[in-house]
Amino acid sequence: MTRRTTSAIAAATMVSALLLTGCGTQDALVGLRPAPAEKSVSAPLGDEGAADIAARVLAQAEAPVEGDAKKAAAARAAFLAGDALTVANAKAARAGAPAATPDLAVAPKPTIVAQSQGRAWPRAIVASTLDEATNTQMLHVLVSEKPDQPFKIASSVPMFAGASLPAVAPENAGSPMVKVTDGEGLPATPEALVTAYAAALAFPKPKATKAVSVDNPFANSLKTTAAAQAKALGKLGTLTQVHTPELKNAVSFRLADGGVVTFGLMKRTDTLAVTKAAKELVLPAEYAKLTGKKKVTKSLTLNNLETFVMVIPPTGQASVIGGAELLVSGKGL
């Protein structure tokens, strides 16, 4: 086997985009509750009204858009915000097509999981939908920033198989929104826990943490795949993975038990550095198209977006119950 062939095989084992999905029925999602008999005094809307809003926005965001990239970008911004808009724009840019939105697994009518508390703005709705074709449970956060601004989808994350969301609020009560820098009643702030989680996912030198569990499908898949890639590369290259929290658009809610659930985003950078033992690495078709290069002699960098849902209890370990990744760009040298 030639060195060039060996390099090509090694490069072909590089990370590809995954979609980590959760399975189960709507009834299996812990924290869902029936609509109250009368309008809640603590939440801005009744569950029925919130469900109508969520259904309308999700359906509009999922609708196909015809026209050029500028028109499609405007359509995305009309119904998406925050992390959801970041992911959708990145997905459209990579595809090179004016797709309006990501796949949202829209159900005929979403189930309302929670609403923000009080009459002030911003206001938020957490809704769940089930993609019956794939049995994937999705969690969506919709936010209205000001009285004159409509609700937009700020985050859409698939749950892991078997995962559950604890009750977000008592029946007939809204859920207080929490800043990621607020650690009141928690082992640490959401920001600190997400940072610890990101460091624990690093490769090849993860930073161990007892604050957040890394035993979930997303983390386990990353660890297994990275180890396999490093082994396949051997002396031809070195692989590093760095996860960076991007929490400026994160949305958090207080749980019924005093804990917090946080919807957020991380960026991951995968870097393959070519060693002197390899004259070049021939890239598989996917990465050749992404980078515009058929081979690299110095390095290959892949940029990914990672959505997640983290549950932080009042005591004990935080855990991630849902997430997905999207390969958005790359550069070869």
C-alpha atoms as a PDB file:
ATOM      1  CA  MET A   1       0.000   0.000   0.000  1.00  0.00           C
ATOM      2  CA  THR A   2       1.478   3.385  -0.971  1.00  0.00           C
ATOM      3  CA  ARG A   3       1.854   6.259   1.467  1.00  0.00           C
ATOM      4  CA  ARG A   4      -0.595   8.271  -0.644  1.00  0.00           C
ATOM      5  CA  THR A   5      -3.216   5.516  -0.429  1.00  0.00           C
ATOM      6  CA  THR A   6      -2.701   5.145   3.306  1.00  0.00           C
ATOM      7  CA  SER A   7      -3.091   8.909   3.706  1.00  0.00           C
ATOM      8  CA  ALA A   8      -6.312   8.883   1.743  1.00  0.00           C
ATOM      9  CA  ILE A   9      -7.759   6.134   3.912  1.00  0.00           C
ATOM     10  CA  ALA A  10      -6.732   7.964   7.069  1.00  0.00           C
ATOM     11  CA  ALA A  11      -8.219  11.240   5.895  1.00  0.00           C
ATOM     12  CA  ALA A  12     -11.460   9.505   4.988  1.00  0.00           C
ATOM     13  CA  THR A  13     -12.022   8.693   8.628  1.00  0.00           C
ATOM     14  CA  MET A  14     -12.332  12.395   9.615  1.00  0.00           C
ATOM     15  CA  VAL A  15     -15.396  13.648  11.452  1.00  0.00           C
ATOM     16  CA  SER A  16     -18.671  13.839   9.530  1.00  0.00           C
ATOM     17  CA  ALA A  17     -21.765  15.693  10.681  1.00  0.00           C
ATOM     18  CA  LEU A  18     -24.038  13.745  12.990  1.00  0.00           C
ATOM     19  CA  LEU A  19     -27.573  14.357  14.135  1.00  0.00           C
ATOM     20  CA  LEU A  20     -28.107  12.958  17.594  1.00  0.00           C
ATOM     21  CA  THR A  21     -31.776  12.372  18.080  1.00  0.00           C
ATOM     22  CA  GLY A  22     -34.042  11.352  20.907  1.00  0.00           C
ATOM     23  CA  CYS A  23     -36.738   8.757  20.679  1.00  0.00           C
ATOM     24  CA  GLY A  24     -39.998   8.335  22.467  1.00  0.00           C
ATOM     25  CA  THR A  25     -43.568   9.454  22.375  1.00  0.00           C
ATOM     26  CA  GLN A  26     -44.942  12.800  23.439  1.00  0.00           C
ATOM     27  CA  ASP A  27     -46.316  11.192  26.594  1.00  0.00           C
ATOM     28  CA  ALA A  28     -42.853   9.966  27.528  1.00  0.00           C
ATOM     29  CA  LEU A  29     -41.425  13.474  27.845  1.00  0.00           C
ATOM     30  CA  VAL A  30     -41.295  14.197  31.558  1.00  0.00           C
ATOM     31  CA  GLY A  31     -42.493  17.678  32.467  1.00  0.00           C
ATOM     32  CA  LEU A  32     -45.378  17.891  30.027  1.00  0.00           C
ATOM     33  CA  ARG A  33     -48.631  18.816  31.666  1.00  0.00           C
ATOM     34  CA  PRO A  34     -52.238  19.229  30.530  1.00  0.00           C
ATOM     35  CA  ALA A  35     -53.524  22.712  29.793  1.00  0.00           C
ATOM     36  CA  PRO A  36     -54.924  24.361  32.931  1.00  0.00           C
ATOM     37  CA  ALA A  37     -58.652  24.826  33.267  1.00  0.00           C
ATOM     38  CA  GLU A  38     -58.264  28.590  33.285  1.00  0.00           C
ATOM     39  CA  LYS A  39     -55.634  31.046  32.130  1.00  0.00           C
ATOM     40  CA  SER A  40     -52.567  31.055  34.357  1.00  0.00           C
ATOM     41  CA  VAL A  41     -51.932  34.175  36.387  1.00  0.00           C
ATOM     42  CA  SER A  42     -48.189  33.517  36.256  1.00  0.00           C
ATOM     43  CA  ALA A  43     -47.689  32.839  32.556  1.00  0.00           C
ATOM     44  CA  PRO A  44     -48.387  35.432  29.829  1.00  0.00           C
ATOM     45  CA  LEU A  45     -50.549  33.035  27.806  1.00  0.00           C
ATOM     46  CA  GLY A  46     -52.735  30.029  28.385  1.00  0.00           C
ATOM     47  CA  ASP A  47     -51.289  26.772  27.092  1.00  0.00           C
ATOM     48  CA  GLU A  48     -53.806  26.725  24.252  1.00  0.00           C
ATOM     49  CA  GLY A  49     -52.795  30.188  23.075  1.00  0.00           C
ATOM     50  CA  ALA A  50     -49.106  29.360  23.390  1.00  0.00           C
ATOM     51  CA  ALA A  51     -49.626  26.152  21.402  1.00  0.00           C
ATOM     52  CA  ASP A  52     -51.354  28.101  18.635  1.00  0.00           C
ATOM     53  CA  ILE A  53     -48.445  30.541  18.449  1.00  0.00           C
ATOM     54  CA  ALA A  54     -45.855  27.752  18.427  1.00  0.00           C
ATOM     55  CA  ALA A  55     -47.717  25.806  15.741  1.00  0.00           C
ATOM     56  CA  ARG A  56     -48.019  28.870  13.510  1.00  0.00           C
ATOM     57  CA  VAL A  57     -44.375  29.939  13.836  1.00  0.00           C
ATOM     58  CA  LEU A  58     -42.997  26.417  13.363  1.00  0.00           C
ATOM     59  CA  ALA A  59     -45.168  25.879  10.286  1.00  0.00           C
ATOM     60  CA  GLN A  60     -44.178  29.227   8.772  1.00  0.00           C
ATOM     61  CA  ALA A  61     -40.506  28.615   9.443  1.00  0.00           C
ATOM     62  CA  GLU A  62     -40.681  25.166   7.837  1.00  0.00           C
ATOM     63  CA  ALA A  63     -42.451  26.405   4.701  1.00  0.00           C
ATOM     64  CA  PRO A  64     -40.262  26.350   1.562  1.00  0.00           C
ATOM     65  CA  VAL A  65     -39.081  29.684   0.179  1.00  0.00           C
ATOM     66  CA  GLU A  66     -38.637  30.357  -3.486  1.00  0.00           C
ATOM     67  CA  GLY A  67     -36.257  33.015  -4.728  1.00  0.00           C
ATOM     68  CA  ASP A  68     -32.649  34.077  -4.338  1.00  0.00           C
ATOM     69  CA  ALA A  69     -30.376  33.778  -1.315  1.00  0.00           C
ATOM     70  CA  LYS A  70     -31.245  37.292  -0.114  1.00  0.00           C
ATOM     71  CA  LYS A  71     -34.947  36.490  -0.023  1.00  0.00           C
ATOM     72  CA  ALA A  72     -34.308  33.216   1.757  1.00  0.00           C
ATOM     73  CA  ALA A  73     -32.126  34.955   4.366  1.00  0.00           C
ATOM     74  CA  ALA A  74     -34.904  37.457   5.025  1.00  0.00           C
ATOM     75  CA  ALA A  75     -37.386  34.587   5.418  1.00  0.00           C
ATOM     76  CA  ARG A  76     -35.149  32.904   7.986  1.00  0.00           C
ATOM     77  CA  ALA A  77     -34.775  36.116   9.967  1.00  0.00           C
ATOM     78  CA  ALA A  78     -38.557  36.587   9.998  1.00  0.00           C
ATOM     79  CA  PHE A  79     -39.157  33.404  12.006  1.00  0.00           C
ATOM     80  CA  LEU A  80     -35.787  32.477  13.541  1.00  0.00           C
ATOM     81  CA  ALA A  81     -33.528  34.211  16.046  1.00  0.00           C
ATOM     82  CA  GLY A  82     -30.512  33.494  18.220  1.00  0.00           C
ATOM     83  CA  ASP A  83     -28.939  30.055  17.958  1.00  0.00           C
ATOM     84  CA  ALA A  84     -31.622  28.740  15.600  1.00  0.00           C
ATOM     85  CA  LEU A  85     -30.867  31.513  13.108  1.00  0.00           C
ATOM     86  CA  THR A  86     -27.114  30.962  13.448  1.00  0.00           C
ATOM     87  CA  VAL A  87     -27.497  27.252  12.660  1.00  0.00           C
ATOM     88  CA  ALA A  88     -29.944  27.834   9.790  1.00  0.00           C
ATOM     89  CA  ASN A  89     -27.725  30.464   8.151  1.00  0.00           C
ATOM     90  CA  ALA A  90     -24.693  28.195   8.445  1.00  0.00           C
ATOM     91  CA  LYS A  91     -26.610  25.275   6.995  1.00  0.00           C
ATOM     92  CA  ALA A  92     -27.831  27.350   4.049  1.00  0.00           C
ATOM     93  CA  ALA A  93     -24.363  28.763   3.395  1.00  0.00           C
ATOM     94  CA  ARG A  94     -22.807  25.309   3.290  1.00  0.00           C
ATOM     95  CA  ALA A  95     -25.509  23.902   1.043  1.00  0.00           C
ATOM     96  CA  GLY A  96     -25.178  26.844  -1.311  1.00  0.00           C
ATOM     97  CA  ALA A  97     -28.946  26.895  -1.679  1.00  0.00           C
ATOM     98  CA  PRO A  98     -31.591  29.341  -0.392  1.00  0.00           C
ATOM     99  CA  ALA A  99     -33.155  26.894   2.075  1.00  0.00           C
ATOM    100  CA  ALA A 100     -35.221  28.866   4.568  1.00  0.00           C
ATOM    101  CA  THR A 101     -34.806  26.885   7.767  1.00  0.00           C
ATOM    102  CA  PRO A 102     -33.443  23.703   9.347  1.00  0.00           C
ATOM    103  CA  ASP A 103     -35.607  20.623   9.736  1.00  0.00           C
ATOM    104  CA  LEU A 104     -37.848  21.311  12.723  1.00  0.00           C
ATOM    105  CA  ALA A 105     -39.820  18.072  12.941  1.00  0.00           C
ATOM    106  CA  VAL A 106     -43.078  19.985  13.056  1.00  0.00           C
ATOM    107  CA  ALA A 107     -46.062  18.187  14.567  1.00  0.00           C
ATOM    108  CA  PRO A 108     -49.710  19.034  13.793  1.00  0.00           C
ATOM    109  CA  LYS A 109     -49.840  20.813  17.134  1.00  0.00           C
ATOM    110  CA  PRO A 110     -46.895  21.264  19.503  1.00  0.00           C
ATOM    111  CA  THR A 111     -47.154  20.422  23.179  1.00  0.00           C
ATOM    112  CA  ILE A 112     -46.369  23.310  25.508  1.00  0.00           C
ATOM    113  CA  VAL A 113     -43.701  22.385  28.044  1.00  0.00           C
ATOM    114  CA  ALA A 114     -43.261  25.794  29.677  1.00  0.00           C
ATOM    115  CA  GLN A 115     -43.774  29.525  29.445  1.00  0.00           C
ATOM    116  CA  SER A 116     -41.790  32.351  30.948  1.00  0.00           C
ATOM    117  CA  GLN A 117     -43.155  33.918  34.103  1.00  0.00           C
ATOM    118  CA  GLY A 118     -44.829  37.301  34.362  1.00  0.00           C
ATOM    119  CA  ARG A 119     -45.965  39.977  31.920  1.00  0.00           C
ATOM    120  CA  ALA A 120     -42.600  41.582  31.216  1.00  0.00           C
ATOM    121  CA  TRP A 121     -40.429  41.089  28.113  1.00  0.00           C
ATOM    122  CA  PRO A 122     -38.692  39.144  26.809  1.00  0.00           C
ATOM    123  CA  ARG A 123     -41.253  36.337  26.865  1.00  0.00           C
ATOM    124  CA  ALA A 124     -40.550  32.736  25.973  1.00  0.00           C
ATOM    125  CA  ILE A 125     -42.324  29.482  25.170  1.00  0.00           C
ATOM    126  CA  VAL A 126     -40.841  25.970  25.318  1.00  0.00           C
ATOM    127  CA  ALA A 127     -42.666  23.548  23.021  1.00  0.00           C
ATOM    128  CA  SER A 128     -42.084  19.954  21.997  1.00  0.00           C
ATOM    129  CA  THR A 129     -42.834  18.202  18.733  1.00  0.00           C
ATOM    130  CA  LEU A 130     -42.463  14.623  17.589  1.00  0.00           C
ATOM    131  CA  ASP A 131     -41.255  13.575  14.160  1.00  0.00           C
ATOM    132  CA  GLU A 132     -43.251  10.381  13.783  1.00  0.00           C
ATOM    133  CA  ALA A 133     -41.198   9.233  10.799  1.00  0.00           C
ATOM    134  CA  THR A 134     -37.992   9.069  12.852  1.00  0.00           C
ATOM    135  CA  ASN A 135     -39.558   9.000  16.339  1.00  0.00           C
ATOM    136  CA  THR A 136     -37.423  12.021  17.198  1.00  0.00           C
ATOM    137  CA  GLN A 137     -38.505  14.276  20.051  1.00  0.00           C
ATOM    138  CA  MET A 138     -37.642  17.957  19.491  1.00  0.00           C
ATOM    139  CA  LEU A 139     -37.565  20.800  21.983  1.00  0.00           C
ATOM    140  CA  HIS A 140     -38.129  24.317  20.661  1.00  0.00           C
ATOM    141  CA  VAL A 141     -37.701  27.669  22.403  1.00  0.00           C
ATOM    142  CA  LEU A 142     -39.653  30.619  21.014  1.00  0.00           C
ATOM    143  CA  VAL A 143     -38.880  34.141  22.198  1.00  0.00           C
ATOM    144  CA  SER A 144     -40.563  37.535  21.831  1.00  0.00           C
ATOM    145  CA  GLU A 145     -38.053  40.235  22.777  1.00  0.00           C
ATOM    146  CA  LYS A 146     -40.403  43.241  22.901  1.00  0.00           C
ATOM    147  CA  PRO A 147     -44.153  43.985  22.844  1.00  0.00           C
ATOM    148  CA  ASP A 148     -44.011  44.911  19.157  1.00  0.00           C
ATOM    149  CA  GLN A 149     -41.963  41.875  18.124  1.00  0.00           C
ATOM    150  CA  PRO A 150     -43.463  38.477  17.249  1.00  0.00           C
ATOM    151  CA  PHE A 151     -42.336  35.161  18.711  1.00  0.00           C
ATOM    152  CA  LYS A 152     -39.404  33.627  16.834  1.00  0.00           C
ATOM    153  CA  ILE A 153     -37.721  30.240  17.167  1.00  0.00           C
ATOM    154  CA  ALA A 154     -34.536  30.778  19.172  1.00  0.00           C
ATOM    155  CA  SER A 155     -33.485  27.135  19.560  1.00  0.00           C
ATOM    156  CA  SER A 156     -34.514  23.721  18.217  1.00  0.00           C
ATOM    157  CA  VAL A 157     -32.728  20.692  19.654  1.00  0.00           C
ATOM    158  CA  PRO A 158     -33.389  16.941  19.269  1.00  0.00           C
ATOM    159  CA  MET A 159     -33.466  14.946  22.497  1.00  0.00           C
ATOM    160  CA  PHE A 160     -31.333  11.871  23.045  1.00  0.00           C
ATOM    161  CA  ALA A 161     -32.972   8.465  23.072  1.00  0.00           C
ATOM    162  CA  GLY A 162     -34.366   7.751  26.521  1.00  0.00           C
ATOM    163  CA  ALA A 163     -33.674  11.264  27.833  1.00  0.00           C
ATOM    164  CA  SER A 164     -36.260  13.216  29.793  1.00  0.00           C
ATOM    165  CA  LEU A 165     -36.810  16.807  30.812  1.00  0.00           C
ATOM    166  CA  PRO A 166     -37.769  17.351  34.462  1.00  0.00           C
ATOM    167  CA  ALA A 167     -40.903  19.371  35.194  1.00  0.00           C
ATOM    168  CA  VAL A 168     -40.197  22.959  34.252  1.00  0.00           C
ATOM    169  CA  ALA A 169     -42.876  24.606  36.408  1.00  0.00           C
ATOM    170  CA  PRO A 170     -45.777  23.683  38.646  1.00  0.00           C
ATOM    171  CA  GLU A 171     -49.151  23.544  36.921  1.00  0.00           C
ATOM    172  CA  ASN A 172     -50.670  26.989  36.312  1.00  0.00           C
ATOM    173  CA  ALA A 173     -47.323  28.709  36.873  1.00  0.00           C
ATOM    174  CA  GLY A 174     -44.817  30.317  34.550  1.00  0.00           C
ATOM    175  CA  SER A 175     -41.102  29.528  34.673  1.00  0.00           C
ATOM    176  CA  PRO A 176     -38.659  32.313  35.607  1.00  0.00           C
ATOM    177  CA  MET A 177     -36.020  32.921  32.941  1.00  0.00           C
ATOM    178  CA  VAL A 178     -32.454  32.709  34.274  1.00  0.00           C
ATOM    179  CA  LYS A 179     -29.267  34.367  33.032  1.00  0.00           C
ATOM    180  CA  VAL A 180     -26.369  32.020  32.278  1.00  0.00           C
ATOM    181  CA  THR A 181     -24.292  33.982  34.782  1.00  0.00           C
ATOM    182  CA  ASP A 182     -26.816  33.386  37.598  1.00  0.00           C
ATOM    183  CA  GLY A 183     -25.893  30.483  39.852  1.00  0.00           C
ATOM    184  CA  GLU A 184     -28.428  31.087  42.615  1.00  0.00           C
ATOM    185  CA  GLY A 185     -29.508  27.770  44.116  1.00  0.00           C
ATOM    186  CA  LEU A 186     -27.197  25.826  41.781  1.00  0.00           C
ATOM    187  CA  PRO A 187     -23.815  24.096  42.179  1.00  0.00           C
ATOM    188  CA  ALA A 188     -22.412  26.626  39.669  1.00  0.00           C
ATOM    189  CA  THR A 189     -23.632  29.048  37.018  1.00  0.00           C
ATOM    190  CA  PRO A 190     -24.911  27.600  33.724  1.00  0.00           C
ATOM    191  CA  GLU A 191     -22.047  29.413  32.021  1.00  0.00           C
ATOM    192  CA  ALA A 192     -19.437  27.717  34.221  1.00  0.00           C
ATOM    193  CA  LEU A 193     -21.023  24.285  33.763  1.00  0.00           C
ATOM    194  CA  VAL A 194     -21.190  24.601  29.974  1.00  0.00           C
ATOM    195  CA  THR A 195     -17.542  25.694  29.987  1.00  0.00           C
ATOM    196  CA  ALA A 196     -16.626  22.633  32.075  1.00  0.00           C
ATOM    197  CA  TYR A 197     -18.578  20.397  29.692  1.00  0.00           C
ATOM    198  CA  ALA A 198     -16.791  21.883  26.675  1.00  0.00           C
ATOM    199  CA  ALA A 199     -13.387  21.292  28.270  1.00  0.00           C
ATOM    200  CA  ALA A 200     -14.332  17.702  29.154  1.00  0.00           C
ATOM    201  CA  LEU A 201     -15.084  16.992  25.480  1.00  0.00           C
ATOM    202  CA  ALA A 202     -11.686  18.170  24.227  1.00  0.00           C
ATOM    203  CA  PHE A 203      -9.427  15.753  22.355  1.00  0.00           C
ATOM    204  CA  PRO A 204      -6.818  14.424  22.886  1.00  0.00           C
ATOM    205  CA  LYS A 205      -6.541  16.050  26.338  1.00  0.00           C
ATOM    206  CA  PRO A 206      -9.991  16.384  27.933  1.00  0.00           C
ATOM    207  CA  LYS A 207     -10.217  18.171  31.269  1.00  0.00           C
ATOM    208  CA  ALA A 208     -12.024  15.890  33.692  1.00  0.00           C
ATOM    209  CA  THR A 209     -14.952  17.354  35.622  1.00  0.00           C
ATOM    210  CA  LYS A 210     -17.311  16.073  38.291  1.00  0.00           C
ATOM    211  CA  ALA A 211     -19.705  18.970  37.751  1.00  0.00           C
ATOM    212  CA  VAL A 212     -21.165  17.710  34.455  1.00  0.00           C
ATOM    213  CA  SER A 213     -21.742  14.175  33.238  1.00  0.00           C
ATOM    214  CA  VAL A 214     -20.174  13.338  29.888  1.00  0.00           C
ATOM    215  CA  ASP A 215     -21.999  10.023  29.674  1.00  0.00           C
ATOM    216  CA  ASN A 216     -24.459  10.803  26.872  1.00  0.00           C
ATOM    217  CA  PRO A 217     -24.778   9.750  23.218  1.00  0.00           C
ATOM    218  CA  PHE A 218     -23.219  12.959  21.906  1.00  0.00           C
ATOM    219  CA  ALA A 219     -20.140  12.873  24.142  1.00  0.00           C
ATOM    220  CA  ASN A 220     -19.682   9.124  23.765  1.00  0.00           C
ATOM    221  CA  SER A 221     -19.867   9.352  19.976  1.00  0.00           C
ATOM    222  CA  LEU A 222     -17.318  12.163  19.879  1.00  0.00           C
ATOM    223  CA  LYS A 223     -14.893  10.264  22.095  1.00  0.00           C
ATOM    224  CA  THR A 224     -15.195   7.007  20.166  1.00  0.00           C
ATOM    225  CA  THR A 225     -14.933   8.646  16.747  1.00  0.00           C
ATOM    226  CA  ALA A 226     -11.985  10.841  17.665  1.00  0.00           C
ATOM    227  CA  ALA A 227     -10.072   7.878  19.086  1.00  0.00           C
ATOM    228  CA  ALA A 228     -10.726   5.870  15.919  1.00  0.00           C
ATOM    229  CA  GLN A 229      -9.589   8.767  13.741  1.00  0.00           C
ATOM    230  CA  ALA A 230      -6.391   9.241  15.703  1.00  0.00           C
ATOM    231  CA  LYS A 231      -5.617   5.526  15.464  1.00  0.00           C
ATOM    232  CA  ALA A 232      -6.270   5.467  11.718  1.00  0.00           C
ATOM    233  CA  LEU A 233      -4.027   8.477  11.133  1.00  0.00           C
ATOM    234  CA  GLY A 234      -1.185   6.926  13.056  1.00  0.00           C
ATOM    235  CA  LYS A 235       2.037   8.821  12.334  1.00  0.00           C
ATOM    236  CA  LEU A 236       0.586  10.614   9.315  1.00  0.00           C
ATOM    237  CA  GLY A 237      -1.230  13.310  11.269  1.00  0.00           C
ATOM    238  CA  THR A 238      -2.492  14.510  14.636  1.00  0.00           C
ATOM    239  CA  LEU A 239      -6.101  15.316  15.493  1.00  0.00           C
ATOM    240  CA  THR A 240      -7.274  17.918  18.013  1.00  0.00           C
ATOM    241  CA  GLN A 241     -10.816  18.971  18.903  1.00  0.00           C
ATOM    242  CA  VAL A 242     -11.674  22.154  20.791  1.00  0.00           C
ATOM    243  CA  HIS A 243     -15.207  23.063  21.932  1.00  0.00           C
ATOM    244  CA  THR A 244     -15.984  26.743  22.565  1.00  0.00           C
ATOM    245  CA  PRO A 245     -19.238  27.809  24.282  1.00  0.00           C
ATOM    246  CA  GLU A 246     -21.207  30.503  22.447  1.00  0.00           C
ATOM    247  CA  LEU A 247     -23.748  31.561  25.061  1.00  0.00           C
ATOM    248  CA  LYS A 248     -24.735  35.099  24.063  1.00  0.00           C
ATOM    249  CA  ASN A 249     -28.086  33.753  22.819  1.00  0.00           C
ATOM    250  CA  ALA A 250     -28.530  30.976  25.390  1.00  0.00           C
ATOM    251  CA  VAL A 251     -31.961  30.676  27.021  1.00  0.00           C
ATOM    252  CA  SER A 252     -32.436  29.233  30.516  1.00  0.00           C
ATOM    253  CA  PHE A 253     -35.493  28.472  32.652  1.00  0.00           C
ATOM    254  CA  ARG A 254     -35.918  27.589  36.305  1.00  0.00           C
ATOM    255  CA  LEU A 255     -37.151  24.036  36.874  1.00  0.00           C
ATOM    256  CA  ALA A 256     -39.873  23.102  39.338  1.00  0.00           C
ATOM    257  CA  ASP A 257     -37.281  21.582  41.708  1.00  0.00           C
ATOM    258  CA  GLY A 258     -35.191  24.762  41.734  1.00  0.00           C
ATOM    259  CA  GLY A 259     -32.758  23.592  39.060  1.00  0.00           C
ATOM    260  CA  VAL A 260     -32.288  25.111  35.608  1.00  0.00           C
ATOM    261  CA  VAL A 261     -32.532  23.956  31.996  1.00  0.00           C
ATOM    262  CA  THR A 262     -30.275  25.748  29.502  1.00  0.00           C
ATOM    263  CA  PHE A 263     -30.552  25.763  25.710  1.00  0.00           C
ATOM    264  CA  GLY A 264     -27.262  26.786  24.126  1.00  0.00           C
ATOM    265  CA  LEU A 265     -24.664  26.496  21.393  1.00  0.00           C
ATOM    266  CA  MET A 266     -20.999  25.526  21.141  1.00  0.00           C
ATOM    267  CA  LYS A 267     -18.549  25.786  18.282  1.00  0.00           C
ATOM    268  CA  ARG A 268     -16.186  22.895  17.682  1.00  0.00           C
ATOM    269  CA  THR A 269     -12.951  23.085  15.724  1.00  0.00           C
ATOM    270  CA  ASP A 270     -11.401  19.854  14.450  1.00  0.00           C
ATOM    271  CA  THR A 271      -7.821  20.288  13.301  1.00  0.00           C
ATOM    272  CA  LEU A 272      -5.773  17.653  11.501  1.00  0.00           C
ATOM    273  CA  ALA A 273      -2.105  18.586  11.333  1.00  0.00           C
ATOM    274  CA  VAL A 274      -0.115  16.713   8.694  1.00  0.00           C
ATOM    275  CA  THR A 275       3.165  15.337  10.034  1.00  0.00           C
ATOM    276  CA  LYS A 276       6.472  14.982   8.223  1.00  0.00           C
ATOM    277  CA  ALA A 277       5.715  11.288   7.791  1.00  0.00           C
ATOM    278  CA  ALA A 278       3.004  12.135   5.245  1.00  0.00           C
ATOM    279  CA  LYS A 279       3.796  13.960   2.038  1.00  0.00           C
ATOM    280  CA  GLU A 280       0.119  14.803   1.610  1.00  0.00           C
ATOM    281  CA  LEU A 281      -3.355  13.729   2.660  1.00  0.00           C
ATOM    282  CA  VAL A 282      -5.924  13.168  -0.063  1.00  0.00           C
ATOM    283  CA  LEU A 283      -9.316  14.402   1.132  1.00  0.00           C
ATOM    284  CA  PRO A 284     -12.560  12.480   0.738  1.00  0.00           C
ATOM    285  CA  ALA A 285     -15.119  14.067  -1.588  1.00  0.00           C
ATOM    286  CA  GLU A 286     -17.126  15.721   1.199  1.00  0.00           C
ATOM    287  CA  TYR A 287     -14.142  17.646   2.539  1.00  0.00           C
ATOM    288  CA  ALA A 288     -12.753  18.371  -0.897  1.00  0.00           C
ATOM    289  CA  LYS A 289     -16.036  20.104  -1.764  1.00  0.00           C
ATOM    290  CA  LEU A 290     -16.131  21.897   1.583  1.00  0.00           C
ATOM    291  CA  THR A 291     -12.566  23.243   1.388  1.00  0.00           C
ATOM    292  CA  GLY A 292     -12.120  23.537  -2.367  1.00  0.00           C
ATOM    293  CA  LYS A 293      -8.997  21.377  -2.145  1.00  0.00           C
ATOM    294  CA  LYS A 294      -8.437  17.763  -3.136  1.00  0.00           C
ATOM    295  CA  LYS A 295      -5.459  17.311  -0.851  1.00  0.00           C
ATOM    296  CA  VAL A 296      -3.632  19.051   1.986  1.00  0.00           C
ATOM    297  CA  THR A 297       0.053  19.123   2.846  1.00  0.00           C
ATOM    298  CA  LYS A 298      -0.099  21.077   6.128  1.00  0.00           C
ATOM    299  CA  SER A 299      -3.491  20.941   7.826  1.00  0.00           C
ATOM    300  CA  LEU A 300      -7.235  20.480   7.562  1.00  0.00           C
ATOM    301  CA  THR A 301      -9.610  22.480   9.768  1.00  0.00           C
ATOM    302  CA  LEU A 302     -13.303  21.646  10.129  1.00  0.00           C
ATOM    303  CA  ASN A 303     -15.747  23.970  11.877  1.00  0.00           C
ATOM    304  CA  ASN A 304     -18.903  22.620  13.523  1.00  0.00           C
ATOM    305  CA  LEU A 305     -21.886  24.050  15.391  1.00  0.00           C
ATOM    306  CA  GLU A 306     -23.226  22.045  18.333  1.00  0.00           C
ATOM    307  CA  THR A 307     -26.616  22.709  19.890  1.00  0.00           C
ATOM    308  CA  PHE A 308     -27.393  21.284  23.322  1.00  0.00           C
ATOM    309  CA  VAL A 309     -29.882  21.174  26.195  1.00  0.00           C
ATOM    310  CA  MET A 310     -28.341  20.975  29.662  1.00  0.00           C
ATOM    311  CA  VAL A 311     -30.257  20.165  32.856  1.00  0.00           C
ATOM    312  CA  ILE A 312     -28.716  21.546  36.057  1.00  0.00           C
ATOM    313  CA  PRO A 313     -30.175  20.169  39.307  1.00  0.00           C
ATOM    314  CA  PRO A 314     -29.985  22.073  42.631  1.00  0.00           C
ATOM    315  CA  THR A 315     -27.354  19.565  43.766  1.00  0.00           C
ATOM    316  CA  GLY A 316     -25.282  16.958  41.985  1.00  0.00           C
ATOM    317  CA  GLN A 317     -24.107  16.639  38.398  1.00  0.00           C
ATOM    318  CA  ALA A 318     -25.538  18.550  35.490  1.00  0.00           C
ATOM    319  CA  SER A 319     -26.398  16.468  32.414  1.00  0.00           C
ATOM    320  CA  VAL A 320     -26.974  17.037  28.714  1.00  0.00           C
ATOM    321  CA  ILE A 321     -30.263  15.561  27.475  1.00  0.00           C
ATOM    322  CA  GLY A 322     -30.193  16.587  23.821  1.00  0.00           C
ATOM    323  CA  GLY A 323     -27.935  17.883  21.119  1.00  0.00           C
ATOM    324  CA  ALA A 324     -26.909  17.867  17.490  1.00  0.00           C
ATOM    325  CA  GLU A 325     -23.923  18.932  15.429  1.00  0.00           C
ATOM    326  CA  LEU A 326     -23.581  20.475  12.016  1.00  0.00           C
ATOM    327  CA  LEU A 327     -20.390  20.643   9.939  1.00  0.00           C
ATOM    328  CA  VAL A 328     -20.490  24.158   8.483  1.00  0.00           C
ATOM    329  CA  SER A 329     -17.122  25.034   6.959  1.00  0.00           C
ATOM    330  CA  GLY A 330     -13.555  23.915   6.448  1.00  0.00           C
ATOM    331  CA  LYS A 331     -10.127  25.040   5.328  1.00  0.00           C
ATOM    332  CA  GLY A 332      -7.279  23.056   3.861  1.00  0.00           C
ATOM    333  CA  LEU A 333      -3.644  24.062   3.615  1.00  0.00           C
END
